[in-house]
């Protein structure tokens, strides 16, 4: 049986929702939280953080669809998304060839494990580069479905992935790690 490593949705958000989300992110990002990146991994994107309670009124359907897809495709036991949960706002600016080198999303605590990574493209201007690359089917492949503003992917845990440098414009995404009880 083949396991899915990702699932995608095109046009999960429309242009008005993208504009609204970007305004919410500018107004409510929490500057007190630092990005936690493994020291060996190159990450030049600007990362900000925002609580789910601010995003929820506009994109609650995103979390609902991710959880529904988990139920029918991935089958992980997941904790609910709480109002205090932080989402990342990732800003990849071509002015500094922003990128995020190959990495795994993993938990840094002893009580839970990341099961899925959810990403939503909230870019509000055209950009070039910034391809999302993942290792699956024994090779590195682009996941092109996340390239379009308003699109979303749900990526299985343990998948090596990266974002290539943005060469023109600004690429923006929201990311959230759906976690659950520790793997045994």
C-alpha atoms as a PDB file:
ATOM      1  CA  UNK A   1       0.000   0.000   0.000  1.00  0.00           C
ATOM      2  CA  UNK A   2       1.479   3.349  -1.042  1.00  0.00           C
ATOM      3  CA  UNK A   3       1.600   6.002   1.670  1.00  0.00           C
ATOM      4  CA  UNK A   4       0.814   9.590   0.781  1.00  0.00           C
ATOM      5  CA  UNK A   5       3.511  12.038   1.827  1.00  0.00           C
ATOM      6  CA  UNK A   6       1.405  15.106   1.048  1.00  0.00           C
ATOM      7  CA  UNK A   7      -2.042  16.289   0.098  1.00  0.00           C
ATOM      8  CA  UNK A   8      -2.867  19.603  -1.512  1.00  0.00           C
ATOM      9  CA  UNK A   9      -5.698  22.044  -2.088  1.00  0.00           C
ATOM     10  CA  UNK A  10      -5.734  24.668  -4.806  1.00  0.00           C
ATOM     11  CA  UNK A  11      -7.572  27.949  -4.179  1.00  0.00           C
ATOM     12  CA  UNK A  12      -8.174  27.245  -0.498  1.00  0.00           C
ATOM     13  CA  UNK A  13      -8.106  31.020   0.009  1.00  0.00           C
ATOM     14  CA  UNK A  14      -9.261  33.767  -2.308  1.00  0.00           C
ATOM     15  CA  UNK A  15      -7.479  37.111  -2.839  1.00  0.00           C
ATOM     16  CA  UNK A  16      -9.658  38.930  -0.272  1.00  0.00           C
ATOM     17  CA  UNK A  17      -8.872  36.314   2.380  1.00  0.00           C
ATOM     18  CA  UNK A  18      -5.147  36.503   1.567  1.00  0.00           C
ATOM     19  CA  UNK A  19      -5.228  40.294   1.936  1.00  0.00           C
ATOM     20  CA  UNK A  20      -7.152  40.007   5.207  1.00  0.00           C
ATOM     21  CA  UNK A  21      -4.732  37.378   6.589  1.00  0.00           C
ATOM     22  CA  UNK A  22      -1.703  39.522   5.746  1.00  0.00           C
ATOM     23  CA  UNK A  23      -3.262  42.480   7.579  1.00  0.00           C
ATOM     24  CA  UNK A  24      -4.010  40.288  10.607  1.00  0.00           C
ATOM     25  CA  UNK A  25      -0.448  38.955  10.558  1.00  0.00           C
ATOM     26  CA  UNK A  26       1.019  42.467  10.453  1.00  0.00           C
ATOM     27  CA  UNK A  27      -1.195  43.625  13.314  1.00  0.00           C
ATOM     28  CA  UNK A  28      -0.999  40.614  15.640  1.00  0.00           C
ATOM     29  CA  UNK A  29       2.391  38.945  15.121  1.00  0.00           C
ATOM     30  CA  UNK A  30       4.172  38.208  18.371  1.00  0.00           C
ATOM     31  CA  UNK A  31       7.737  39.620  18.257  1.00  0.00           C
ATOM     32  CA  UNK A  32       8.651  38.050  21.607  1.00  0.00           C
ATOM     33  CA  UNK A  33       9.091  34.562  20.125  1.00  0.00           C
ATOM     34  CA  UNK A  34      12.315  33.597  18.398  1.00  0.00           C
ATOM     35  CA  UNK A  35      12.465  31.134  15.539  1.00  0.00           C
ATOM     36  CA  UNK A  36      13.943  27.817  16.619  1.00  0.00           C
ATOM     37  CA  UNK A  37      16.126  26.432  13.813  1.00  0.00           C
ATOM     38  CA  UNK A  38      18.771  23.726  13.998  1.00  0.00           C
ATOM     39  CA  UNK A  39      22.166  25.466  13.858  1.00  0.00           C
ATOM     40  CA  UNK A  40      23.310  23.444  10.829  1.00  0.00           C
ATOM     41  CA  UNK A  41      20.340  24.455   8.663  1.00  0.00           C
ATOM     42  CA  UNK A  42      20.401  27.629   6.566  1.00  0.00           C
ATOM     43  CA  UNK A  43      17.191  29.606   7.034  1.00  0.00           C
ATOM     44  CA  UNK A  44      17.196  33.191   5.818  1.00  0.00           C
ATOM     45  CA  UNK A  45      13.447  33.713   5.724  1.00  0.00           C
ATOM     46  CA  UNK A  46      12.046  36.239   8.168  1.00  0.00           C
ATOM     47  CA  UNK A  47       9.806  34.298  10.561  1.00  0.00           C
ATOM     48  CA  UNK A  48       7.120  35.858  12.705  1.00  0.00           C
ATOM     49  CA  UNK A  49       4.543  34.164  14.911  1.00  0.00           C
ATOM     50  CA  UNK A  50       0.826  34.625  15.374  1.00  0.00           C
ATOM     51  CA  UNK A  51      -1.706  32.985  17.671  1.00  0.00           C
ATOM     52  CA  UNK A  52      -4.412  30.853  16.095  1.00  0.00           C
ATOM     53  CA  UNK A  53      -7.131  32.936  17.781  1.00  0.00           C
ATOM     54  CA  UNK A  54      -6.342  35.819  15.402  1.00  0.00           C
ATOM     55  CA  UNK A  55      -6.308  33.663  12.250  1.00  0.00           C
ATOM     56  CA  UNK A  56      -9.232  31.421  13.131  1.00  0.00           C
ATOM     57  CA  UNK A  57     -12.063  33.789  12.093  1.00  0.00           C
ATOM     58  CA  UNK A  58     -10.725  33.903   8.525  1.00  0.00           C
ATOM     59  CA  UNK A  59      -9.191  30.469   7.976  1.00  0.00           C
ATOM     60  CA  UNK A  60     -10.952  28.038  10.335  1.00  0.00           C
ATOM     61  CA  UNK A  61     -11.896  26.009   7.261  1.00  0.00           C
ATOM     62  CA  UNK A  62      -8.179  25.354   6.594  1.00  0.00           C
ATOM     63  CA  UNK A  63      -7.728  23.612   9.943  1.00  0.00           C
ATOM     64  CA  UNK A  64     -11.010  21.726   9.415  1.00  0.00           C
ATOM     65  CA  UNK A  65      -9.943  20.463   5.967  1.00  0.00           C
ATOM     66  CA  UNK A  66      -6.490  19.456   7.220  1.00  0.00           C
ATOM     67  CA  UNK A  67      -8.053  17.443  10.042  1.00  0.00           C
ATOM     68  CA  UNK A  68     -10.599  15.851   7.730  1.00  0.00           C
ATOM     69  CA  UNK A  69      -7.804  14.836   5.326  1.00  0.00           C
ATOM     70  CA  UNK A  70      -5.817  13.409   8.237  1.00  0.00           C
ATOM     71  CA  UNK A  71      -8.822  11.325   9.242  1.00  0.00           C
ATOM     72  CA  UNK A  72      -9.304   9.842   5.775  1.00  0.00           C
ATOM     73  CA  UNK A  73      -5.727   9.683   4.440  1.00  0.00           C
ATOM     74  CA  UNK A  74      -3.056   9.841   7.136  1.00  0.00           C
ATOM     75  CA  UNK A  75      -4.857   8.510  10.232  1.00  0.00           C
ATOM     76  CA  UNK A  76      -2.827  10.198  12.983  1.00  0.00           C
ATOM     77  CA  UNK A  77      -4.087  10.875  16.501  1.00  0.00           C
ATOM     78  CA  UNK A  78      -3.949  14.696  16.688  1.00  0.00           C
ATOM     79  CA  UNK A  79      -4.302  17.227  19.473  1.00  0.00           C
ATOM     80  CA  UNK A  80      -6.852  20.009  18.781  1.00  0.00           C
ATOM     81  CA  UNK A  81      -5.706  23.425  17.581  1.00  0.00           C
ATOM     82  CA  UNK A  82      -5.916  25.788  20.545  1.00  0.00           C
ATOM     83  CA  UNK A  83      -6.398  29.569  20.453  1.00  0.00           C
ATOM     84  CA  UNK A  84      -2.946  30.001  22.038  1.00  0.00           C
ATOM     85  CA  UNK A  85      -1.162  27.793  19.462  1.00  0.00           C
ATOM     86  CA  UNK A  86       1.396  29.682  17.399  1.00  0.00           C
ATOM     87  CA  UNK A  87       1.535  29.616  13.611  1.00  0.00           C
ATOM     88  CA  UNK A  88       4.613  30.734  11.691  1.00  0.00           C
ATOM     89  CA  UNK A  89       4.491  33.566   9.185  1.00  0.00           C
ATOM     90  CA  UNK A  90       7.379  32.850   6.783  1.00  0.00           C
ATOM     91  CA  UNK A  91       8.552  35.728   4.599  1.00  0.00           C
ATOM     92  CA  UNK A  92      11.045  34.852   1.867  1.00  0.00           C
ATOM     93  CA  UNK A  93      12.340  38.086   0.303  1.00  0.00           C
ATOM     94  CA  UNK A  94      14.405  38.090  -2.894  1.00  0.00           C
ATOM     95  CA  UNK A  95      16.441  41.018  -1.516  1.00  0.00           C
ATOM     96  CA  UNK A  96      18.384  38.476   0.544  1.00  0.00           C
ATOM     97  CA  UNK A  97      17.734  35.368  -1.614  1.00  0.00           C
ATOM     98  CA  UNK A  98      15.697  34.011   1.318  1.00  0.00           C
ATOM     99  CA  UNK A  99      15.550  30.240   1.580  1.00  0.00           C
ATOM    100  CA  UNK A 100      15.181  27.371   4.037  1.00  0.00           C
ATOM    101  CA  UNK A 101      17.614  24.498   3.492  1.00  0.00           C
ATOM    102  CA  UNK A 102      16.750  20.795   3.784  1.00  0.00           C
ATOM    103  CA  UNK A 103      15.284  19.916   7.174  1.00  0.00           C
ATOM    104  CA  UNK A 104      12.780  17.725   8.980  1.00  0.00           C
ATOM    105  CA  UNK A 105      10.009  19.210  11.083  1.00  0.00           C
ATOM    106  CA  UNK A 106      10.401  17.627  14.483  1.00  0.00           C
ATOM    107  CA  UNK A 107       9.211  18.120  18.031  1.00  0.00           C
ATOM    108  CA  UNK A 108      11.500  19.679  20.573  1.00  0.00           C
ATOM    109  CA  UNK A 109       9.647  18.389  23.612  1.00  0.00           C
ATOM    110  CA  UNK A 110       9.012  15.098  25.358  1.00  0.00           C
ATOM    111  CA  UNK A 111       5.226  15.050  25.361  1.00  0.00           C
ATOM    112  CA  UNK A 112       4.243  15.149  21.685  1.00  0.00           C
ATOM    113  CA  UNK A 113       5.424  14.542  18.141  1.00  0.00           C
ATOM    114  CA  UNK A 114       4.694  16.456  14.966  1.00  0.00           C
ATOM    115  CA  UNK A 115       2.509  14.306  12.741  1.00  0.00           C
ATOM    116  CA  UNK A 116       1.810  16.694   9.854  1.00  0.00           C
ATOM    117  CA  UNK A 117       3.030  20.071   8.618  1.00  0.00           C
ATOM    118  CA  UNK A 118       0.376  22.366   7.185  1.00  0.00           C
ATOM    119  CA  UNK A 119       1.411  25.193   4.860  1.00  0.00           C
ATOM    120  CA  UNK A 120      -0.736  27.882   3.234  1.00  0.00           C
ATOM    121  CA  UNK A 121       0.602  30.237   0.554  1.00  0.00           C
ATOM    122  CA  UNK A 122      -0.433  33.789   1.516  1.00  0.00           C
ATOM    123  CA  UNK A 123       1.754  35.616  -1.019  1.00  0.00           C
ATOM    124  CA  UNK A 124       0.177  38.906  -2.031  1.00  0.00           C
ATOM    125  CA  UNK A 125       2.544  39.727  -4.885  1.00  0.00           C
ATOM    126  CA  UNK A 126       4.152  37.713  -7.691  1.00  0.00           C
ATOM    127  CA  UNK A 127       7.467  36.031  -6.936  1.00  0.00           C
ATOM    128  CA  UNK A 128       9.969  33.769  -8.650  1.00  0.00           C
ATOM    129  CA  UNK A 129      11.982  30.935  -7.159  1.00  0.00           C
ATOM    130  CA  UNK A 130      10.956  29.671  -3.742  1.00  0.00           C
ATOM    131  CA  UNK A 131      10.168  26.181  -5.021  1.00  0.00           C
ATOM    132  CA  UNK A 132       9.141  23.709  -2.315  1.00  0.00           C
ATOM    133  CA  UNK A 133      11.259  20.568  -2.672  1.00  0.00           C
ATOM    134  CA  UNK A 134      10.639  17.285  -0.806  1.00  0.00           C
ATOM    135  CA  UNK A 135      12.245  13.869  -0.810  1.00  0.00           C
ATOM    136  CA  UNK A 136       9.789  11.138  -1.747  1.00  0.00           C
ATOM    137  CA  UNK A 137       9.637   8.155  -4.062  1.00  0.00           C
ATOM    138  CA  UNK A 138      13.437   7.932  -3.590  1.00  0.00           C
ATOM    139  CA  UNK A 139      14.210  11.296  -5.170  1.00  0.00           C
ATOM    140  CA  UNK A 140      13.977  15.037  -4.606  1.00  0.00           C
ATOM    141  CA  UNK A 141      10.919  16.506  -6.286  1.00  0.00           C
ATOM    142  CA  UNK A 142       9.204  19.860  -6.395  1.00  0.00           C
ATOM    143  CA  UNK A 143       5.743  20.038  -4.860  1.00  0.00           C
ATOM    144  CA  UNK A 144       4.401  22.637  -7.307  1.00  0.00           C
ATOM    145  CA  UNK A 145       0.892  22.792  -5.854  1.00  0.00           C
ATOM    146  CA  UNK A 146       2.020  25.154  -3.057  1.00  0.00           C
ATOM    147  CA  UNK A 147       3.346  27.734  -5.547  1.00  0.00           C
ATOM    148  CA  UNK A 148       0.018  29.513  -6.107  1.00  0.00           C
ATOM    149  CA  UNK A 149      -1.309  32.056  -3.601  1.00  0.00           C
ATOM    150  CA  UNK A 150      -4.251  30.560  -1.721  1.00  0.00           C
ATOM    151  CA  UNK A 151      -3.027  26.979  -2.118  1.00  0.00           C
ATOM    152  CA  UNK A 152      -2.227  24.660   0.777  1.00  0.00           C
ATOM    153  CA  UNK A 153      -0.388  21.415   1.450  1.00  0.00           C
ATOM    154  CA  UNK A 154      -0.370  18.949   4.300  1.00  0.00           C
ATOM    155  CA  UNK A 155       2.973  17.144   4.574  1.00  0.00           C
ATOM    156  CA  UNK A 156       3.569  13.849   6.398  1.00  0.00           C
ATOM    157  CA  UNK A 157       6.057  13.866   9.289  1.00  0.00           C
ATOM    158  CA  UNK A 158       9.580  12.696   8.591  1.00  0.00           C
ATOM    159  CA  UNK A 159       9.683  14.131   5.073  1.00  0.00           C
ATOM    160  CA  UNK A 160      12.931  15.910   4.240  1.00  0.00           C
ATOM    161  CA  UNK A 161      12.058  19.224   2.557  1.00  0.00           C
ATOM    162  CA  UNK A 162      13.298  22.720   1.734  1.00  0.00           C
ATOM    163  CA  UNK A 163      12.379  26.036   0.114  1.00  0.00           C
ATOM    164  CA  UNK A 164      14.700  27.181  -2.674  1.00  0.00           C
ATOM    165  CA  UNK A 165      15.924  30.811  -2.688  1.00  0.00           C
ATOM    166  CA  UNK A 166      13.385  33.389  -3.818  1.00  0.00           C
ATOM    167  CA  UNK A 167      14.942  35.227  -6.759  1.00  0.00           C
ATOM    168  CA  UNK A 168      12.316  37.893  -7.416  1.00  0.00           C
ATOM    169  CA  UNK A 169       9.567  39.331  -5.202  1.00  0.00           C
ATOM    170  CA  UNK A 170       8.366  38.021  -1.842  1.00  0.00           C
ATOM    171  CA  UNK A 171       6.963  34.573  -1.025  1.00  0.00           C
ATOM    172  CA  UNK A 172       4.808  34.378   2.123  1.00  0.00           C
ATOM    173  CA  UNK A 173       3.407  31.315   3.841  1.00  0.00           C
ATOM    174  CA  UNK A 174       1.708  30.333   7.052  1.00  0.00           C
ATOM    175  CA  UNK A 175       2.850  27.077   8.598  1.00  0.00           C
ATOM    176  CA  UNK A 176       1.511  25.032  11.484  1.00  0.00           C
ATOM    177  CA  UNK A 177       2.588  21.708  12.915  1.00  0.00           C
ATOM    178  CA  UNK A 178      -0.243  19.348  13.782  1.00  0.00           C
ATOM    179  CA  UNK A 179       0.978  17.257  16.670  1.00  0.00           C
ATOM    180  CA  UNK A 180      -0.274  14.367  18.721  1.00  0.00           C
ATOM    181  CA  UNK A 181       0.848  11.859  21.316  1.00  0.00           C
ATOM    182  CA  UNK A 182       4.444  10.678  21.097  1.00  0.00           C
ATOM    183  CA  UNK A 183       5.234   7.910  18.622  1.00  0.00           C
ATOM    184  CA  UNK A 184       6.184   4.775  20.521  1.00  0.00           C
END
